[in-house]
Every structure is written in C-alpha cells, then in structure tokens.
Amino acid sequence: MRFSVQVDNIKCGGCANTIRKKMTDIEGVTAAEVDIDNGVVTIDGDESVRPTVVETLLKAGYPESGSAEGMSALKAKASSFVSCAVGRLDG
C-alpha cells in the first residue's frame, strides 16, 4: 500500500535524506519517497502506520501541512533546519 502526507518545511536534498531515513526506521514502512518541490512524502507501507509517520515527521520539523501554527510552527521550522543539516552530512 502507498499513502502520501503533504508536509511543510522541506527545502532541499538534505531534508529529503533525513525524512527518508526516519521513515524507513519505522516498523511497517518499506520505502519513502520525497517530492521536494511539492512538499509530499509518499510512504510504501500499511496505512495503519500513518499516525506514527505524521508524528515522526513533526518531531523532525516537517509537520503535516496545516497542522502547526504559531509557536508550534516556529519550533517545527527550527527543527527542520537541524534535520536538513544532518541530512546533508549523511547524504
């Protein structure tokens, strides 16, 4: 099965590397694709892991679009800068 999550804060390949790594660490996810231009993460895995995927994305700084506002959105943006840098180093 495949499902997609529209997320905020994806800026580059470093972000995509981090997201792919974090997604494939989730039990039940077999693969993850990241569309940087459209801010979409597509998951190969059972739909039942969707809540875990969304929570993991939020913790990494890539909240589901429309789910973070105010201070929560600022915190997510700051986290995404760290995730992006780590992704660039690991990539």
PDB file of N, CA and C in Angstrom:
ATOM      1  N   MET A   1       0.836  -1.183   0.000  1.00  0.00           N
ATOM      2  CA  MET A   1       0.000   0.000   0.000  1.00  0.00           C
ATOM      3  C   MET A   1       0.880   1.246   0.000  1.00  0.00           C
ATOM      4  N   ARG A   2       0.337   2.294  -0.542  1.00  0.00           N
ATOM      5  CA  ARG A   2       1.027   3.585  -0.560  1.00  0.00           C
ATOM      6  C   ARG A   2       0.087   4.663  -0.047  1.00  0.00           C
ATOM      7  N   PHE A   3       0.667   5.614   0.651  1.00  0.00           N
ATOM      8  CA  PHE A   3      -0.086   6.802   1.037  1.00  0.00           C
ATOM      9  C   PHE A   3       0.874   7.973   1.078  1.00  0.00           C
ATOM     10  N   SER A   4       0.323   9.169   0.983  1.00  0.00           N
ATOM     11  CA  SER A   4       1.143  10.384   0.947  1.00  0.00           C
ATOM     12  C   SER A   4       0.739  11.338   2.058  1.00  0.00           C
ATOM     13  N   VAL A   5       1.718  12.128   2.490  1.00  0.00           N
ATOM     14  CA  VAL A   5       1.495  13.158   3.500  1.00  0.00           C
ATOM     15  C   VAL A   5       2.074  14.460   2.954  1.00  0.00           C
ATOM     16  N   GLN A   6       1.258  15.495   2.889  1.00  0.00           N
ATOM     17  CA  GLN A   6       1.706  16.834   2.493  1.00  0.00           C
ATOM     18  C   GLN A   6       2.320  17.482   3.728  1.00  0.00           C
ATOM     19  N   VAL A   7       3.579  17.944   3.624  1.00  0.00           N
ATOM     20  CA  VAL A   7       4.261  18.498   4.789  1.00  0.00           C
ATOM     21  C   VAL A   7       4.844  19.876   4.492  1.00  0.00           C
ATOM     22  N   ASP A   8       5.162  20.585   5.550  1.00  0.00           N
ATOM     23  CA  ASP A   8       5.796  21.905   5.469  1.00  0.00           C
ATOM     24  C   ASP A   8       7.302  21.767   5.704  1.00  0.00           C
ATOM     25  N   ASN A   9       8.044  22.764   5.274  1.00  0.00           N
ATOM     26  CA  ASN A   9       9.460  22.976   5.594  1.00  0.00           C
ATOM     27  C   ASN A   9      10.463  22.152   4.802  1.00  0.00           C
ATOM     28  N   ILE A  10      10.059  21.358   3.813  1.00  0.00           N
ATOM     29  CA  ILE A  10      11.050  20.645   3.001  1.00  0.00           C
ATOM     30  C   ILE A  10      11.698  21.660   2.066  1.00  0.00           C
ATOM     31  N   LYS A  11      13.033  21.752   2.150  1.00  0.00           N
ATOM     32  CA  LYS A  11      13.737  22.762   1.370  1.00  0.00           C
ATOM     33  C   LYS A  11      14.745  22.196   0.382  1.00  0.00           C
ATOM     34  N   CYS A  12      15.310  21.012   0.688  1.00  0.00           N
ATOM     35  CA  CYS A  12      16.420  20.550  -0.146  1.00  0.00           C
ATOM     36  C   CYS A  12      16.628  19.044  -0.013  1.00  0.00           C
ATOM     37  N   GLY A  13      17.681  18.577  -0.669  1.00  0.00           N
ATOM     38  CA  GLY A  13      18.027  17.163  -0.609  1.00  0.00           C
ATOM     39  C   GLY A  13      18.413  16.705   0.782  1.00  0.00           C
ATOM     40  N   GLY A  14      18.980  17.605   1.579  1.00  0.00           N
ATOM     41  CA  GLY A  14      19.316  17.248   2.966  1.00  0.00           C
ATOM     42  C   GLY A  14      18.063  16.915   3.758  1.00  0.00           C
ATOM     43  N   CYS A  15      17.028  17.725   3.567  1.00  0.00           N
ATOM     44  CA  CYS A  15      15.741  17.451   4.215  1.00  0.00           C
ATOM     45  C   CYS A  15      15.217  16.089   3.770  1.00  0.00           C
ATOM     46  N   ALA A  16      15.266  15.858   2.458  1.00  0.00           N
ATOM     47  CA  ALA A  16      14.753  14.606   1.899  1.00  0.00           C
ATOM     48  C   ALA A  16      15.519  13.402   2.446  1.00  0.00           C
ATOM     49  N   ASN A  17      16.844  13.505   2.560  1.00  0.00           N
ATOM     50  CA  ASN A  17      17.642  12.408   3.111  1.00  0.00           C
ATOM     51  C   ASN A  17      17.218  12.074   4.534  1.00  0.00           C
ATOM     52  N   THR A  18      17.049  13.113   5.360  1.00  0.00           N
ATOM     53  CA  THR A  18      16.636  12.902   6.740  1.00  0.00           C
ATOM     54  C   THR A  18      15.262  12.254   6.800  1.00  0.00           C
ATOM     55  N   ILE A  19      14.341  12.753   6.005  1.00  0.00           N
ATOM     56  CA  ILE A  19      12.983  12.209   6.013  1.00  0.00           C
ATOM     57  C   ILE A  19      12.987  10.740   5.597  1.00  0.00           C
ATOM     58  N   ARG A  20      13.684  10.417   4.504  1.00  0.00           N
ATOM     59  CA  ARG A  20      13.734   9.015   4.057  1.00  0.00           C
ATOM     60  C   ARG A  20      14.293   8.107   5.141  1.00  0.00           C
ATOM     61  N   LYS A  21      15.366   8.545   5.793  1.00  0.00           N
ATOM     62  CA  LYS A  21      15.984   7.741   6.855  1.00  0.00           C
ATOM     63  C   LYS A  21      15.017   7.531   8.005  1.00  0.00           C
ATOM     64  N   LYS A  22      14.397   8.603   8.474  1.00  0.00           N
ATOM     65  CA  LYS A  22      13.480   8.490   9.607  1.00  0.00           C
ATOM     66  C   LYS A  22      12.259   7.645   9.269  1.00  0.00           C
ATOM     67  N   MET A  23      11.777   7.757   8.038  1.00  0.00           N
ATOM     68  CA  MET A  23      10.593   6.992   7.646  1.00  0.00           C
ATOM     69  C   MET A  23      10.901   5.493   7.556  1.00  0.00           C
ATOM     70  N   THR A  24      12.038   5.146   6.980  1.00  0.00           N
ATOM     71  CA  THR A  24      12.353   3.728   6.832  1.00  0.00           C
ATOM     72  C   THR A  24      12.774   3.087   8.150  1.00  0.00           C
ATOM     73  N   ASP A  25      13.016   3.895   9.179  1.00  0.00           N
ATOM     74  CA  ASP A  25      13.273   3.360  10.524  1.00  0.00           C
ATOM     75  C   ASP A  25      11.980   2.935  11.217  1.00  0.00           C
ATOM     76  N   ILE A  26      10.834   3.325  10.680  1.00  0.00           N
ATOM     77  CA  ILE A  26       9.542   2.989  11.275  1.00  0.00           C
ATOM     78  C   ILE A  26       9.142   1.584  10.837  1.00  0.00           C
ATOM     79  N   GLU A  27       8.830   0.748  11.811  1.00  0.00           N
ATOM     80  CA  GLU A  27       8.378  -0.605  11.501  1.00  0.00           C
ATOM     81  C   GLU A  27       7.091  -0.531  10.689  1.00  0.00           C
ATOM     82  N   GLY A  28       7.054  -1.241   9.589  1.00  0.00           N
ATOM     83  CA  GLY A  28       5.883  -1.227   8.718  1.00  0.00           C
ATOM     84  C   GLY A  28       6.045  -0.342   7.498  1.00  0.00           C
ATOM     85  N   VAL A  29       7.119   0.468   7.465  1.00  0.00           N
ATOM     86  CA  VAL A  29       7.414   1.291   6.296  1.00  0.00           C
ATOM     87  C   VAL A  29       8.525   0.597   5.517  1.00  0.00           C
ATOM     88  N   THR A  30       8.268   0.304   4.243  1.00  0.00           N
ATOM     89  CA  THR A  30       9.267  -0.386   3.428  1.00  0.00           C
ATOM     90  C   THR A  30      10.072   0.573   2.556  1.00  0.00           C
ATOM     91  N   ALA A  31       9.497   1.738   2.241  1.00  0.00           N
ATOM     92  CA  ALA A  31      10.202   2.740   1.437  1.00  0.00           C
ATOM     93  C   ALA A  31       9.518   4.085   1.607  1.00  0.00           C
ATOM     94  N   ALA A  32      10.276   5.145   1.317  1.00  0.00           N
ATOM     95  CA  ALA A  32       9.735   6.506   1.383  1.00  0.00           C
ATOM     96  C   ALA A  32      10.327   7.323   0.249  1.00  0.00           C
ATOM     97  N   GLU A  33       9.474   8.078  -0.418  1.00  0.00           N
ATOM     98  CA  GLU A  33       9.892   8.996  -1.468  1.00  0.00           C
ATOM     99  C   GLU A  33       9.548  10.410  -1.028  1.00  0.00           C
ATOM    100  N   VAL A  34      10.406  11.363  -1.380  1.00  0.00           N
ATOM    101  CA  VAL A  34      10.176  12.751  -1.002  1.00  0.00           C
ATOM    102  C   VAL A  34      10.167  13.613  -2.250  1.00  0.00           C
ATOM    103  N   ASP A  35       9.064  14.312  -2.461  1.00  0.00           N
ATOM    104  CA  ASP A  35       8.936  15.271  -3.556  1.00  0.00           C
ATOM    105  C   ASP A  35       9.212  16.649  -2.952  1.00  0.00           C
ATOM    106  N   ILE A  36      10.440  17.110  -3.119  1.00  0.00           N
ATOM    107  CA  ILE A  36      10.867  18.372  -2.510  1.00  0.00           C
ATOM    108  C   ILE A  36      10.039  19.543  -3.025  1.00  0.00           C
ATOM    109  N   ASP A  37       9.842  19.607  -4.329  1.00  0.00           N
ATOM    110  CA  ASP A  37       9.139  20.742  -4.935  1.00  0.00           C
ATOM    111  C   ASP A  37       7.703  20.896  -4.450  1.00  0.00           C
ATOM    112  N   ASN A  38       7.034  19.775  -4.208  1.00  0.00           N
ATOM    113  CA  ASN A  38       5.623  19.826  -3.807  1.00  0.00           C
ATOM    114  C   ASN A  38       5.403  19.551  -2.321  1.00  0.00           C
ATOM    115  N   GLY A  39       6.477  19.259  -1.572  1.00  0.00           N
ATOM    116  CA  GLY A  39       6.352  19.008  -0.139  1.00  0.00           C
ATOM    117  C   GLY A  39       5.523  17.780   0.184  1.00  0.00           C
ATOM    118  N   VAL A  40       5.738  16.712  -0.575  1.00  0.00           N
ATOM    119  CA  VAL A  40       4.955  15.497  -0.376  1.00  0.00           C
ATOM    120  C   VAL A  40       5.886  14.337  -0.045  1.00  0.00           C
ATOM    121  N   VAL A  41       5.529  13.614   1.017  1.00  0.00           N
ATOM    122  CA  VAL A  41       6.237  12.391   1.395  1.00  0.00           C
ATOM    123  C   VAL A  41       5.301  11.229   1.075  1.00  0.00           C
ATOM    124  N   THR A  42       5.774  10.303   0.247  1.00  0.00           N
ATOM    125  CA  THR A  42       4.980   9.138  -0.126  1.00  0.00           C
ATOM    126  C   THR A  42       5.597   7.917   0.527  1.00  0.00           C
ATOM    127  N   ILE A  43       4.762   7.177   1.217  1.00  0.00           N
ATOM    128  CA  ILE A  43       5.188   6.037   2.019  1.00  0.00           C
ATOM    129  C   ILE A  43       4.693   4.741   1.398  1.00  0.00           C
ATOM    130  N   ASP A  44       5.583   3.768   1.292  1.00  0.00           N
ATOM    131  CA  ASP A  44       5.187   2.399   0.975  1.00  0.00           C
ATOM    132  C   ASP A  44       5.093   1.682   2.314  1.00  0.00           C
ATOM    133  N   GLY A  45       3.881   1.330   2.675  1.00  0.00           N
ATOM    134  CA  GLY A  45       3.646   0.668   3.950  1.00  0.00           C
ATOM    135  C   GLY A  45       2.169   0.680   4.250  1.00  0.00           C
ATOM    136  N   ASP A  46       1.821   0.000   5.298  1.00  0.00           N
ATOM    137  CA  ASP A  46       0.426  -0.096   5.682  1.00  0.00           C
ATOM    138  C   ASP A  46      -0.085   1.248   6.206  1.00  0.00           C
ATOM    139  N   GLU A  47      -1.288   1.591   5.834  1.00  0.00           N
ATOM    140  CA  GLU A  47      -1.918   2.860   6.258  1.00  0.00           C
ATOM    141  C   GLU A  47      -1.987   2.973   7.787  1.00  0.00           C
ATOM    142  N   SER A  48      -1.932   1.842   8.485  1.00  0.00           N
ATOM    143  CA  SER A  48      -2.017   1.869   9.954  1.00  0.00           C
ATOM    144  C   SER A  48      -0.819   2.578  10.585  1.00  0.00           C
ATOM    145  N   VAL A  49       0.299   2.720   9.850  1.00  0.00           N
ATOM    146  CA  VAL A  49       1.468   3.410  10.397  1.00  0.00           C
ATOM    147  C   VAL A  49       1.406   4.917  10.174  1.00  0.00           C
ATOM    148  N   ARG A  50       0.351   5.402   9.517  1.00  0.00           N
ATOM    149  CA  ARG A  50       0.240   6.826   9.202  1.00  0.00           C
ATOM    150  C   ARG A  50       0.394   7.726  10.430  1.00  0.00           C
ATOM    151  N   PRO A  51      -0.283   7.429  11.557  1.00  0.00           N
ATOM    152  CA  PRO A  51      -0.096   8.298  12.730  1.00  0.00           C
ATOM    153  C   PRO A  51       1.366   8.367  13.194  1.00  0.00           C
ATOM    154  N   THR A  52       2.070   7.261  13.144  1.00  0.00           N
ATOM    155  CA  THR A  52       3.481   7.244  13.536  1.00  0.00           C
ATOM    156  C   THR A  52       4.313   8.043  12.550  1.00  0.00           C
ATOM    157  N   VAL A  53       4.010   7.921  11.267  1.00  0.00           N
ATOM    158  CA  VAL A  53       4.706   8.685  10.229  1.00  0.00           C
ATOM    159  C   VAL A  53       4.518  10.179  10.467  1.00  0.00           C
ATOM    160  N   VAL A  54       3.277  10.606  10.682  1.00  0.00           N
ATOM    161  CA  VAL A  54       2.979  12.030  10.887  1.00  0.00           C
ATOM    162  C   VAL A  54       3.678  12.553  12.148  1.00  0.00           C
ATOM    163  N   GLU A  55       3.673  11.766  13.221  1.00  0.00           N
ATOM    164  CA  GLU A  55       4.321  12.177  14.471  1.00  0.00           C
ATOM    165  C   GLU A  55       5.840  12.284  14.284  1.00  0.00           C
ATOM    166  N   THR A  56       6.432  11.327  13.582  1.00  0.00           N
ATOM    167  CA  THR A  56       7.871  11.335  13.343  1.00  0.00           C
ATOM    168  C   THR A  56       8.269  12.514  12.467  1.00  0.00           C
ATOM    169  N   LEU A  57       7.472  12.803  11.454  1.00  0.00           N
ATOM    170  CA  LEU A  57       7.730  13.968  10.606  1.00  0.00           C
ATOM    171  C   LEU A  57       7.673  15.253  11.422  1.00  0.00           C
ATOM    172  N   LEU A  58       6.677  15.388  12.285  1.00  0.00           N
ATOM    173  CA  LEU A  58       6.549  16.583  13.132  1.00  0.00           C
ATOM    174  C   LEU A  58       7.774  16.755  14.018  1.00  0.00           C
ATOM    175  N   LYS A  59       8.208  15.673  14.666  1.00  0.00           N
ATOM    176  CA  LYS A  59       9.374  15.750  15.553  1.00  0.00           C
ATOM    177  C   LYS A  59      10.635  16.153  14.796  1.00  0.00           C
ATOM    178  N   ALA A  60      10.712  15.768  13.521  1.00  0.00           N
ATOM    179  CA  ALA A  60      11.882  16.121  12.709  1.00  0.00           C
ATOM    180  C   ALA A  60      11.784  17.533  12.137  1.00  0.00           C
ATOM    181  N   GLY A  61      10.615  18.177  12.307  1.00  0.00           N
ATOM    182  CA  GLY A  61      10.458  19.549  11.821  1.00  0.00           C
ATOM    183  C   GLY A  61       9.669  19.677  10.537  1.00  0.00           C
ATOM    184  N   TYR A  62       8.994  18.605  10.149  1.00  0.00           N
ATOM    185  CA  TYR A  62       8.221  18.604   8.904  1.00  0.00           C
ATOM    186  C   TYR A  62       6.760  18.243   9.209  1.00  0.00           C
ATOM    187  N   PRO A  63       6.023  19.185   9.805  1.00  0.00           N
ATOM    188  CA  PRO A  63       4.637  18.893  10.185  1.00  0.00           C
ATOM    189  C   PRO A  63       3.730  18.727   8.971  1.00  0.00           C
ATOM    190  N   GLU A  64       2.695  17.948   9.159  1.00  0.00           N
ATOM    191  CA  GLU A  64       1.687  17.822   8.111  1.00  0.00           C
ATOM    192  C   GLU A  64       1.133  19.216   7.830  1.00  0.00           C
ATOM    193  N   SER A  65       1.007  19.554   6.567  1.00  0.00           N
ATOM    194  CA  SER A  65       0.563  20.900   6.183  1.00  0.00           C
ATOM    195  C   SER A  65      -0.736  21.267   6.883  1.00  0.00           C
ATOM    196  N   GLY A  66      -0.735  22.459   7.468  1.00  0.00           N
ATOM    197  CA  GLY A  66      -1.914  22.970   8.145  1.00  0.00           C
ATOM    198  C   GLY A  66      -2.066  22.505   9.580  1.00  0.00           C
ATOM    199  N   SER A  67      -1.145  21.676  10.085  1.00  0.00           N
ATOM    200  CA  SER A  67      -1.315  21.146  11.437  1.00  0.00           C
ATOM    201  C   SER A  67      -0.561  21.933  12.503  1.00  0.00           C
ATOM    202  N   ALA A  68       0.397  22.764  12.099  1.00  0.00           N
ATOM    203  CA  ALA A  68       1.186  23.519  13.076  1.00  0.00           C
ATOM    204  C   ALA A  68       0.986  25.010  12.855  1.00  0.00           C
ATOM    205  N   GLU A  69       0.714  25.717  13.961  1.00  0.00           N
ATOM    206  CA  GLU A  69       0.516  27.161  13.900  1.00  0.00           C
ATOM    207  C   GLU A  69       1.282  27.833  15.027  1.00  0.00           C
ATOM    208  N   GLY A  70       1.551  29.098  14.882  1.00  0.00           N
ATOM    209  CA  GLY A  70       2.171  29.892  15.934  1.00  0.00           C
ATOM    210  C   GLY A  70       3.516  29.347  16.371  1.00  0.00           C
ATOM    211  N   MET A  71       3.686  29.206  17.686  1.00  0.00           N
ATOM    212  CA  MET A  71       4.948  28.734  18.250  1.00  0.00           C
ATOM    213  C   MET A  71       5.269  27.320  17.802  1.00  0.00           C
ATOM    214  N   SER A  72       4.264  26.510  17.627  1.00  0.00           N
ATOM    215  CA  SER A  72       4.468  25.136  17.165  1.00  0.00           C
ATOM    216  C   SER A  72       5.085  25.133  15.767  1.00  0.00           C
ATOM    217  N   ALA A  73       4.611  26.023  14.909  1.00  0.00           N
ATOM    218  CA  ALA A  73       5.156  26.131  13.552  1.00  0.00           C
ATOM    219  C   ALA A  73       6.598  26.636  13.591  1.00  0.00           C
ATOM    220  N   LEU A  74       6.884  27.589  14.475  1.00  0.00           N
ATOM    221  CA  LEU A  74       8.255  28.098  14.603  1.00  0.00           C
ATOM    222  C   LEU A  74       9.203  27.020  15.109  1.00  0.00           C
ATOM    223  N   LYS A  75       8.750  26.242  16.084  1.00  0.00           N
ATOM    224  CA  LYS A  75       9.563  25.148  16.618  1.00  0.00           C
ATOM    225  C   LYS A  75       9.838  24.120  15.520  1.00  0.00           C
ATOM    226  N   ALA A  76       8.814  23.801  14.727  1.00  0.00           N
ATOM    227  CA  ALA A  76       8.987  22.844  13.630  1.00  0.00           C
ATOM    228  C   ALA A  76       9.994  23.361  12.618  1.00  0.00           C
ATOM    229  N   LYS A  77       9.907  24.646  12.301  1.00  0.00           N
ATOM    230  CA  LYS A  77      10.831  25.240  11.332  1.00  0.00           C
ATOM    231  C   LYS A  77      12.264  25.158  11.852  1.00  0.00           C
ATOM    232  N   ALA A  78      12.472  25.439  13.124  1.00  0.00           N
ATOM    233  CA  ALA A  78      13.808  25.356  13.714  1.00  0.00           C
ATOM    234  C   ALA A  78      14.316  23.913  13.677  1.00  0.00           C
ATOM    235  N   SER A  79      13.450  22.968  14.004  1.00  0.00           N
ATOM    236  CA  SER A  79      13.841  21.556  13.961  1.00  0.00           C
ATOM    237  C   SER A  79      14.196  21.126  12.552  1.00  0.00           C
ATOM    238  N   SER A  80      13.482  21.659  11.562  1.00  0.00           N
ATOM    239  CA  SER A  80      13.761  21.266  10.182  1.00  0.00           C
ATOM    240  C   SER A  80      15.144  21.729   9.743  1.00  0.00           C
ATOM    241  N   PHE A  81      15.623  22.873  10.246  1.00  0.00           N
ATOM    242  CA  PHE A  81      16.972  23.328   9.902  1.00  0.00           C
ATOM    243  C   PHE A  81      18.014  22.352  10.405  1.00  0.00           C
ATOM    244  N   VAL A  82      17.826  21.830  11.606  1.00  0.00           N
ATOM    245  CA  VAL A  82      18.753  20.840  12.171  1.00  0.00           C
ATOM    246  C   VAL A  82      18.670  19.547  11.360  1.00  0.00           C
ATOM    247  N   SER A  83      17.463  19.077  11.079  1.00  0.00           N
ATOM    248  CA  SER A  83      17.289  17.860  10.291  1.00  0.00           C
ATOM    249  C   SER A  83      17.901  17.995   8.904  1.00  0.00           C
ATOM    250  N   CYS A  84      17.744  19.150   8.323  1.00  0.00           N
ATOM    251  CA  CYS A  84      18.308  19.426   6.999  1.00  0.00           C
ATOM    252  C   CYS A  84      19.823  19.316   7.033  1.00  0.00           C
ATOM    253  N   ALA A  85      20.440  19.928   8.030  1.00  0.00           N
ATOM    254  CA  ALA A  85      21.905  19.891   8.149  1.00  0.00           C
ATOM    255  C   ALA A  85      22.403  18.461   8.354  1.00  0.00           C
ATOM    256  N   VAL A  86      21.724  17.706   9.186  1.00  0.00           N
ATOM    257  CA  VAL A  86      22.103  16.309   9.424  1.00  0.00           C
ATOM    258  C   VAL A  86      21.957  15.515   8.132  1.00  0.00           C
ATOM    259  N   GLY A  87      20.899  15.759   7.389  1.00  0.00           N
ATOM    260  CA  GLY A  87      20.676  15.072   6.130  1.00  0.00           C
ATOM    261  C   GLY A  87      21.748  15.365   5.097  1.00  0.00           C
ATOM    262  N   ARG A  88      22.247  16.577   5.124  1.00  0.00           N
ATOM    263  CA  ARG A  88      23.323  16.947   4.193  1.00  0.00           C
ATOM    264  C   ARG A  88      24.599  16.228   4.554  1.00  0.00           C
ATOM    265  N   LEU A  89      24.868  16.080   5.850  1.00  0.00           N
ATOM    266  CA  LEU A  89      26.075  15.383   6.293  1.00  0.00           C
ATOM    267  C   LEU A  89      25.993  13.889   6.005  1.00  0.00           C
ATOM    268  N   ASP A  90      24.811  13.324   6.197  1.00  0.00           N
ATOM    269  CA  ASP A  90      24.624  11.890   5.988  1.00  0.00           C
ATOM    270  C   ASP A  90      24.509  11.516   4.521  1.00  0.00           C
ATOM    271  N   GLY A  91      24.101  12.509   3.689  1.00  0.00           N
ATOM    272  CA  GLY A  91      23.833  12.235   2.265  1.00  0.00           C
ATOM    273  C   GLY A  91      25.057  12.106   1.508  1.00  0.00           C
TER     274      GLY A  91
END
